[in-house]
Amino acid sequence: MSLSTKKANSKPVDEVSELIFLARQPIFDRNLHVVAYELLYRNAGSGGANIDDATYATAKLITNTFLETGFENISGGKQVFINLPRPFITGEMPILLDPKQVVLEILEDVCADDAAIKGAKELRAKGYTIALDDFLQTDENKDFIPLASIIKIDVLNQTEADLREQVAGFASYKVKLLAEKVETEEQHLLCRSLGFELFQGYFFCKPKILEGKPLPSNHINILTIIAKLQDRECQIQDIEKIFSNDIGMSFKLFKIINSSYYNVGRKIESIHHALVMLGLETIKKWVMLISLSSFECSPRELIVSALVRAKMSEAVAGNLGYKAEIAFTIGMFSLLDAIMEQPLAVIIENLPLSEEVKRALLDHQGQQGELLAAVISYERGVWESIDGKFMHEGCMFQAYQDALAWCATVAGKLTQR
């Protein structure tokens, strides 16, 4: 059964336990470029985290997600880190993955006995990159260190003194240090100063707000366009005027519409033709997406995350009978504060948004606000906190995978310079 070809609303309930929940978390270098993603996953039918569940989930990940759904849709062309339960290290379970595409993480609870050390050596000999997850060096696990290329250190709730001590303990080894669970910009800067080369966590989603900082003129222009699109009085001639004033936007729109994604049958060469073929609402959506992608922000992963949220929110809303176009807009706007480095309340004050949209964005209130909260929880792998109505029959799982695939194809054109 290919998960990529079965929609959530057609999946029998008894097949849900065959799913795995899957999300990805970006891994950045020191320049805040995404160099890899870690895959967060769990067997959808399991509420626990025992080793049998972890082994089963990893097997399902490899067979369904990598081999059937397609690696490119998940990875975005980057390497992916996957957790490796003990049976995969010792050779009891096969790893049918290209060593160039994955980094294998040895979990912190794997005992460094003879069988595990032998298995890790064999994996390294086959060309796999080994990372040690959530690693705290002890006499019992230190034999793993010479086999690893990357050591991941959980920095959450650790003092600077604790981190300095841990970093010093790896000074004699040729390994890269990866700081995980980095939640604030302050933690990120501290880890940089201590010599960490890789960073993982949701610090990049937090706005770096400077009080009194004015909006750059290009941001004001983009917000003006977005505000016009949110106006209920916006008509075809308004859209045509926006494009006539922005050649770059027109070029991107034509590139998207004439791609294989739409397969319109004949080449579209004018904005009016595009409006007739695809409709006003679809074109408005693309204008918002193109406008959003033109923001100068660091890291660019913020734009990718906003696009995935928008598409996932739209799909789940449609599945549940909510207003899909509103959910799309809310998902897209949910990271505007981080992208523009301004308080979200200040940004949306200048947009003609309904009270429903404002409450959803600011307080996660109402039907759409609950949906946004569920989407954010899903992308962060906090699946146990999501209301069951959103997880029904695997709809969020499918929506997330479809959003990644969409972002990897059509939406990828938006972030190209």
Protein backbone atom coordinates (compact mmCIF):
# COMPACT_ATOMS: atom_id res chain seq x y z
CA MET A 1 0.00 0.00 0.00
CA SER A 2 1.44 3.33 -1.04
CA LEU A 3 0.62 6.09 1.41
CA SER A 4 1.22 8.67 -1.28
CA THR A 5 -1.72 7.48 -3.37
CA LYS A 6 -4.41 7.06 -0.70
CA LYS A 7 -6.20 10.15 0.58
CA ALA A 8 -6.99 10.39 4.27
CA ASN A 9 -10.73 10.64 3.74
CA SER A 10 -10.76 7.32 1.84
CA LYS A 11 -8.69 5.35 4.34
CA PRO A 12 -10.53 2.71 6.40
CA VAL A 13 -10.29 3.26 10.14
CA ASP A 14 -8.66 -0.15 10.67
CA GLU A 15 -5.73 0.95 8.51
CA VAL A 16 -4.88 3.96 10.69
CA SER A 17 -2.74 1.84 13.01
CA GLU A 18 -0.58 1.01 9.98
CA LEU A 19 0.41 4.67 9.68
CA ILE A 20 3.27 6.41 11.33
CA PHE A 21 3.08 10.03 12.39
CA LEU A 22 5.88 11.85 10.63
CA ALA A 23 7.31 15.35 10.90
CA ARG A 24 10.67 16.89 10.11
CA GLN A 25 12.81 19.40 11.97
CA PRO A 26 15.47 21.48 10.20
CA ILE A 27 19.14 21.30 11.15
CA PHE A 28 21.10 24.51 10.51
CA ASP A 29 24.76 25.31 10.05
CA ARG A 30 26.41 28.38 11.55
CA ASN A 31 25.13 30.52 8.65
CA LEU A 32 21.54 29.40 9.31
CA HIS A 33 21.42 27.40 6.11
CA VAL A 34 19.44 24.18 6.34
CA VAL A 35 21.86 21.30 5.81
CA ALA A 36 19.60 18.41 6.87
CA TYR A 37 16.31 17.48 8.50
CA GLU A 38 15.71 15.16 11.43
CA LEU A 39 12.67 12.96 10.97
CA LEU A 40 10.40 12.79 13.99
CA TYR A 41 8.14 9.77 13.83
CA ARG A 42 6.03 7.36 15.83
CA ASN A 43 3.71 4.45 15.17
CA ALA A 44 0.23 5.99 14.94
CA GLY A 45 -1.33 3.03 16.69
CA SER A 46 0.96 3.26 19.70
CA GLY A 47 0.69 5.45 22.74
CA GLY A 48 3.93 4.25 24.25
CA ALA A 49 7.61 4.54 23.46
CA ASN A 50 9.01 1.08 24.13
CA ILE A 51 11.72 -0.44 21.95
CA ASP A 52 9.29 -2.65 20.03
CA ASP A 53 7.27 0.42 19.04
CA ALA A 54 10.43 2.28 18.02
CA THR A 55 11.68 -0.64 15.93
CA TYR A 56 8.32 -1.06 14.23
CA ALA A 57 8.01 2.66 13.54
CA THR A 58 11.51 2.78 12.02
CA ALA A 59 10.72 -0.21 9.81
CA LYS A 60 7.49 1.46 8.65
CA LEU A 61 9.36 4.71 8.05
CA ILE A 62 11.89 2.98 5.80
CA THR A 63 9.39 0.92 3.82
CA ASN A 64 6.41 3.26 3.49
CA THR A 65 7.94 6.70 3.71
CA PHE A 66 11.31 6.34 2.02
CA LEU A 67 10.70 3.56 -0.48
CA GLU A 68 7.08 4.28 -1.44
CA THR A 69 6.27 7.93 -0.79
CA GLY A 70 9.55 9.25 -2.14
CA PHE A 71 12.67 10.50 -0.40
CA GLU A 72 12.80 13.84 -2.22
CA ASN A 73 9.37 14.93 -0.99
CA ILE A 74 10.44 14.47 2.61
CA SER A 75 14.05 15.59 2.44
CA GLY A 76 13.81 18.58 0.13
CA GLY A 77 17.09 17.37 -1.37
CA LYS A 78 18.87 17.39 2.00
CA GLN A 79 20.22 14.59 4.17
CA VAL A 80 17.87 13.28 6.82
CA PHE A 81 18.70 12.14 10.35
CA ILE A 82 16.76 9.09 11.54
CA ASN A 83 16.74 7.50 14.99
CA LEU A 84 18.18 4.00 15.01
CA PRO A 85 16.87 1.55 17.63
CA ARG A 86 19.22 -1.22 18.70
CA PRO A 87 18.01 -3.98 16.29
CA PHE A 88 19.06 -1.84 13.31
CA ILE A 89 22.51 -1.29 14.79
CA THR A 90 23.19 -4.95 15.57
CA GLY A 91 21.99 -6.13 12.17
CA GLU A 92 18.79 -7.84 13.31
CA MET A 93 16.84 -5.41 11.09
CA PRO A 94 18.08 -4.28 7.64
CA ILE A 95 18.73 -0.65 6.68
CA LEU A 96 17.72 -0.32 3.02
CA LEU A 97 18.81 3.29 2.64
CA ASP A 98 21.44 5.12 0.62
CA PRO A 99 24.35 6.10 2.93
CA LYS A 100 24.59 9.42 1.11
CA GLN A 101 21.02 10.35 1.98
CA VAL A 102 20.82 9.60 5.69
CA VAL A 103 22.56 10.15 9.00
CA LEU A 104 21.95 7.33 11.45
CA GLU A 105 21.38 8.41 15.05
CA ILE A 106 22.28 5.95 17.80
CA LEU A 107 19.82 6.60 20.63
CA GLU A 108 21.03 7.42 24.12
CA ASP A 109 19.54 4.25 25.61
CA VAL A 110 21.49 1.88 23.33
CA CYS A 111 24.08 -0.03 25.38
CA ALA A 112 27.62 0.17 23.99
CA ASP A 113 28.24 -3.56 24.29
CA ASP A 114 30.23 -5.72 21.87
CA ALA A 115 27.29 -6.35 19.53
CA ALA A 116 26.38 -2.66 19.23
CA ILE A 117 29.99 -1.55 18.74
CA LYS A 118 30.50 -4.22 16.07
CA GLY A 119 27.28 -3.18 14.31
CA ALA A 120 28.17 0.52 14.39
CA LYS A 121 31.60 -0.25 12.91
CA GLU A 122 29.98 -2.21 10.09
CA LEU A 123 27.55 0.60 9.34
CA ARG A 124 30.39 3.11 9.26
CA ALA A 125 32.36 0.80 6.92
CA LYS A 126 29.38 0.80 4.55
CA GLY A 127 29.60 4.58 4.32
CA TYR A 128 26.90 5.61 6.78
CA THR A 129 27.38 8.72 8.89
CA ILE A 130 26.85 8.01 12.57
CA ALA A 131 25.47 10.52 15.06
CA LEU A 132 25.07 10.01 18.80
CA ASP A 133 21.72 11.33 19.97
CA ASP A 134 21.21 13.21 23.24
CA PHE A 135 24.69 12.11 24.23
CA LEU A 136 26.20 12.49 27.67
CA GLN A 137 29.64 10.91 27.84
CA THR A 138 30.18 8.14 30.42
CA ASP A 139 32.60 5.24 30.87
CA GLU A 140 29.82 2.93 29.66
CA ASN A 141 29.18 4.64 26.31
CA LYS A 142 32.47 6.32 25.41
CA ASP A 143 33.40 3.53 22.95
CA PHE A 144 30.75 4.90 20.59
CA ILE A 145 32.53 8.26 20.27
CA PRO A 146 35.36 7.25 17.85
CA LEU A 147 32.70 5.78 15.51
CA ALA A 148 30.64 8.97 15.36
CA SER A 149 30.94 11.98 13.08
CA ILE A 150 28.31 14.04 14.92
CA ILE A 151 27.45 14.28 18.61
CA LYS A 152 24.10 15.78 19.55
CA ILE A 153 23.84 17.54 22.90
CA ASP A 154 20.49 18.47 24.42
CA VAL A 155 20.97 22.08 25.55
CA LEU A 156 17.51 22.63 27.02
CA ASN A 157 17.62 23.56 30.73
CA GLN A 158 21.41 23.31 30.85
CA THR A 159 23.62 25.99 32.35
CA GLU A 160 26.50 27.55 30.47
CA ALA A 161 28.92 25.83 32.85
CA ASP A 162 27.36 22.43 32.13
CA LEU A 163 27.63 22.96 28.39
CA ARG A 164 31.23 24.14 28.59
CA GLU A 165 32.15 21.02 30.53
CA GLN A 166 30.47 18.74 27.99
CA VAL A 167 32.05 20.48 25.01
CA ALA A 168 35.49 20.25 26.60
CA GLY A 169 35.04 16.49 26.98
CA PHE A 170 34.89 16.07 23.20
CA ALA A 171 37.84 18.35 22.35
CA SER A 172 40.17 15.45 21.55
CA TYR A 173 37.73 13.81 19.10
CA LYS A 174 37.16 14.68 15.44
CA VAL A 175 33.42 15.21 15.71
CA LYS A 176 30.95 17.95 14.93
CA LEU A 177 28.80 19.10 17.82
CA LEU A 178 25.09 19.59 17.21
CA ALA A 179 23.04 21.57 19.73
CA GLU A 180 19.50 20.20 19.88
CA LYS A 181 16.38 21.62 21.53
CA VAL A 182 17.62 25.15 20.97
CA GLU A 183 14.52 27.17 21.78
CA THR A 184 15.75 30.77 22.02
CA GLU A 185 18.12 33.04 20.14
CA GLU A 186 20.11 33.44 23.36
CA GLN A 187 20.72 29.67 23.48
CA HIS A 188 21.67 29.70 19.82
CA LEU A 189 24.24 32.46 20.32
CA LEU A 190 25.69 30.74 23.41
CA CYS A 191 26.10 27.46 21.53
CA ARG A 192 27.79 29.25 18.63
CA SER A 193 30.26 30.81 21.05
CA LEU A 194 31.03 27.38 22.51
CA GLY A 195 31.95 25.95 19.12
CA PHE A 196 28.81 24.07 18.09
CA GLU A 197 28.62 23.73 14.30
CA LEU A 198 25.05 22.52 13.88
CA PHE A 199 21.79 23.68 15.50
CA GLN A 200 18.34 22.15 15.86
CA GLY A 201 15.22 23.46 17.56
CA TYR A 202 12.51 26.06 17.15
CA PHE A 203 14.58 29.13 17.97
CA PHE A 204 14.29 30.21 14.33
CA CYS A 205 10.48 30.47 14.65
CA LYS A 206 10.76 33.01 17.45
CA PRO A 207 10.73 36.66 16.33
CA LYS A 208 13.84 38.71 17.06
CA ILE A 209 11.90 41.86 17.92
CA LEU A 210 13.67 45.16 18.44
CA GLU A 211 11.41 47.75 20.05
CA GLY A 212 10.86 50.75 17.84
CA LYS A 213 12.41 49.12 14.80
CA PRO A 214 10.66 50.52 11.71
CA LEU A 215 9.41 48.25 8.94
CA PRO A 216 11.66 48.35 5.84
CA SER A 217 10.01 49.98 2.84
CA ASN A 218 9.86 46.70 0.89
CA HIS A 219 8.00 45.08 3.80
CA ILE A 220 5.50 47.92 3.81
CA ASN A 221 4.95 47.49 0.07
CA ILE A 222 4.38 43.76 0.47
CA LEU A 223 1.95 44.25 3.36
CA THR A 224 0.08 46.75 1.22
CA ILE A 225 -0.33 44.11 -1.48
CA ILE A 226 -1.43 41.48 1.03
CA ALA A 227 -3.90 43.94 2.55
CA LYS A 228 -5.38 44.63 -0.88
CA LEU A 229 -5.82 40.88 -1.46
CA GLN A 230 -7.64 40.52 1.87
CA ASP A 231 -10.07 43.26 0.92
CA ARG A 232 -13.41 41.72 -0.07
CA GLU A 233 -13.74 44.36 -2.77
CA CYS A 234 -10.58 43.17 -4.55
CA GLN A 235 -11.41 42.47 -8.20
CA ILE A 236 -9.67 41.19 -11.33
CA GLN A 237 -8.49 44.64 -12.37
CA ASP A 238 -6.81 45.12 -8.97
CA ILE A 239 -4.87 41.88 -9.44
CA GLU A 240 -3.83 42.88 -12.96
CA LYS A 241 -2.59 46.23 -11.63
CA ILE A 242 -0.46 44.52 -8.98
CA PHE A 243 1.23 42.40 -11.63
CA SER A 244 1.69 45.30 -14.03
CA ASN A 245 3.74 47.04 -11.33
CA ASP A 246 5.91 43.99 -10.55
CA ILE A 247 7.59 42.19 -13.44
CA GLY A 248 9.35 39.77 -11.10
CA MET A 249 6.03 38.65 -9.61
CA SER A 250 4.59 38.12 -13.08
CA PHE A 251 7.57 36.00 -14.09
CA LYS A 252 7.20 33.76 -11.04
CA LEU A 253 3.47 33.36 -11.56
CA PHE A 254 3.91 32.34 -15.20
CA LYS A 255 6.64 29.91 -14.21
CA ILE A 256 4.32 28.24 -11.69
CA ILE A 257 1.17 28.20 -13.82
CA ASN A 258 2.98 26.81 -16.87
CA SER A 259 4.63 24.06 -14.79
CA SER A 260 3.53 20.43 -14.80
CA TYR A 261 1.67 21.05 -11.52
CA TYR A 262 -1.23 22.73 -13.31
CA ASN A 263 -0.90 21.04 -16.71
CA VAL A 264 -3.27 23.58 -18.29
CA GLY A 265 -2.74 22.21 -21.79
CA ARG A 266 -1.51 25.38 -23.42
CA LYS A 267 0.93 28.07 -22.42
CA ILE A 268 -0.49 30.99 -20.44
CA GLU A 269 1.07 34.29 -21.47
CA SER A 270 -1.02 36.99 -19.78
CA ILE A 271 -2.36 37.69 -16.31
CA HIS A 272 -5.88 38.02 -17.67
CA HIS A 273 -5.60 34.59 -19.29
CA ALA A 274 -4.34 33.13 -16.00
CA LEU A 275 -7.28 34.66 -14.12
CA VAL A 276 -9.74 33.19 -16.58
CA MET A 277 -8.14 29.73 -16.47
CA LEU A 278 -7.55 29.41 -12.72
CA GLY A 279 -9.98 31.84 -11.15
CA LEU A 280 -9.62 34.92 -8.97
CA GLU A 281 -9.25 33.12 -5.63
CA THR A 282 -6.45 30.83 -6.86
CA ILE A 283 -4.52 33.75 -8.35
CA LYS A 284 -4.97 35.77 -5.13
CA LYS A 285 -3.48 32.87 -3.20
CA TRP A 286 -0.45 32.77 -5.48
CA VAL A 287 0.06 36.52 -5.24
CA MET A 288 0.15 36.20 -1.43
CA LEU A 289 2.60 33.30 -1.65
CA ILE A 290 4.90 35.10 -4.08
CA SER A 291 4.75 38.24 -1.92
CA LEU A 292 5.59 36.27 1.21
CA SER A 293 8.53 34.56 -0.51
CA SER A 294 10.03 37.93 -1.43
CA PHE A 295 10.67 38.86 2.21
CA GLU A 296 14.34 39.11 3.12
CA CYS A 297 14.55 36.97 6.23
CA SER A 298 16.99 34.64 7.91
CA PRO A 299 16.74 31.74 7.80
CA ARG A 300 14.86 31.14 4.55
CA GLU A 301 13.42 28.04 6.22
CA LEU A 302 10.86 30.39 7.78
CA ILE A 303 9.27 30.82 4.36
CA VAL A 304 9.28 27.06 3.75
CA SER A 305 7.68 26.46 7.14
CA ALA A 306 4.98 29.07 6.46
CA LEU A 307 4.18 27.45 3.11
CA VAL A 308 3.93 23.97 4.60
CA ARG A 309 1.68 25.26 7.40
CA ALA A 310 -0.57 27.00 4.88
CA LYS A 311 -1.00 23.98 2.63
CA MET A 312 -1.41 21.55 5.53
CA SER A 313 -3.99 23.81 7.22
CA GLU A 314 -5.93 24.10 3.98
CA ALA A 315 -6.03 20.32 3.50
CA VAL A 316 -7.10 19.51 7.07
CA ALA A 317 -9.73 22.26 7.00
CA GLY A 318 -11.19 20.90 3.78
CA ASN A 319 -11.25 17.40 5.27
CA LEU A 320 -13.22 18.61 8.28
CA GLY A 321 -15.61 20.91 6.45
CA TYR A 322 -13.95 24.13 7.64
CA LYS A 323 -13.29 27.12 5.36
CA ALA A 324 -10.13 25.94 3.61
CA GLU A 325 -9.19 29.31 2.09
CA ILE A 326 -9.24 30.95 5.54
CA ALA A 327 -7.16 28.14 7.03
CA PHE A 328 -4.59 28.60 4.23
CA THR A 329 -4.25 32.31 4.99
CA ILE A 330 -3.94 31.72 8.74
CA GLY A 331 -1.26 29.08 8.26
CA MET A 332 0.68 31.36 5.94
CA PHE A 333 0.46 34.37 8.26
CA SER A 334 1.32 32.43 11.42
CA LEU A 335 5.06 33.09 11.05
CA LEU A 336 4.86 36.70 9.90
CA ASP A 337 6.23 37.93 13.23
CA ALA A 338 9.43 35.88 12.84
CA ILE A 339 9.75 36.72 9.13
CA MET A 340 9.26 40.47 9.63
CA GLU A 341 10.77 40.72 13.14
CA GLN A 342 7.72 42.59 14.40
CA PRO A 343 5.02 41.67 16.94
CA LEU A 344 2.25 39.77 15.18
CA ALA A 345 -0.40 42.01 16.75
CA VAL A 346 1.26 45.06 15.17
CA ILE A 347 1.49 43.41 11.75
CA ILE A 348 -2.10 42.24 11.51
CA GLU A 349 -3.39 45.56 12.85
CA ASN A 350 -2.54 46.94 9.40
CA LEU A 351 -4.37 44.15 7.54
CA PRO A 352 -8.14 44.04 6.93
CA LEU A 353 -8.56 40.64 8.57
CA SER A 354 -11.73 39.32 10.15
CA GLU A 355 -11.99 38.91 13.91
CA GLU A 356 -12.04 35.14 13.36
CA VAL A 357 -8.64 35.25 11.65
CA LYS A 358 -7.15 37.64 14.21
CA ARG A 359 -8.29 35.49 17.16
CA ALA A 360 -6.92 32.39 15.47
CA LEU A 361 -3.51 33.99 14.86
CA LEU A 362 -3.07 35.76 18.18
CA ASP A 363 -4.73 33.41 20.65
CA HIS A 364 -5.38 30.14 18.76
CA GLN A 365 -9.06 30.66 19.55
CA GLY A 366 -12.07 29.46 17.62
CA GLN A 367 -12.35 26.63 15.15
CA GLN A 368 -9.55 27.94 12.95
CA GLY A 369 -7.35 28.77 15.93
CA GLU A 370 -7.62 25.24 17.26
CA LEU A 371 -6.70 23.95 13.82
CA LEU A 372 -3.61 26.18 13.68
CA ALA A 373 -2.53 24.96 17.14
CA ALA A 374 -2.97 21.36 15.98
CA VAL A 375 -0.91 21.95 12.83
CA ILE A 376 1.91 23.53 14.85
CA SER A 377 1.84 20.64 17.34
CA TYR A 378 1.97 18.14 14.48
CA GLU A 379 4.96 19.76 12.78
CA ARG A 380 6.82 19.73 16.11
CA GLY A 381 6.04 16.08 16.78
CA VAL A 382 3.89 16.81 19.85
CA TRP A 383 1.19 14.45 18.60
CA GLU A 384 -0.19 13.49 22.00
CA SER A 385 -1.45 17.06 22.53
CA ILE A 386 -3.60 17.12 19.38
CA ASP A 387 -7.37 16.75 19.68
CA GLY A 388 -8.58 13.50 18.17
CA LYS A 389 -10.93 15.26 15.73
CA PHE A 390 -7.89 16.52 13.81
CA MET A 391 -6.11 13.15 13.76
CA HIS A 392 -9.21 11.22 12.61
CA GLU A 393 -8.34 8.55 10.03
CA GLY A 394 -4.83 9.89 9.57
CA CYS A 395 -5.93 13.11 7.85
CA MET A 396 -3.14 15.20 9.40
CA PHE A 397 -0.54 12.61 8.46
CA GLN A 398 -1.63 12.70 4.83
CA ALA A 399 -2.03 16.48 4.81
CA TYR A 400 1.50 16.95 6.14
CA GLN A 401 3.01 14.60 3.56
CA ASP A 402 1.04 16.27 0.76
CA ALA A 403 2.16 19.71 1.98
CA LEU A 404 5.82 18.64 1.94
CA ALA A 405 5.43 17.22 -1.57
CA TRP A 406 3.70 20.40 -2.76
CA CYS A 407 6.38 22.58 -1.21
CA ALA A 408 9.13 20.46 -2.80
CA THR A 409 7.63 20.93 -6.27
CA VAL A 410 5.62 24.05 -7.02
CA ALA A 411 6.26 26.10 -3.89
CA GLY A 412 9.98 25.49 -4.22
CA LYS A 413 9.95 27.86 -7.17
CA LEU A 414 8.89 30.67 -4.84
CA THR A 415 12.06 30.62 -2.76
CA GLN A 416 14.44 30.55 -5.70
CA ARG A 417 16.45 33.73 -6.12
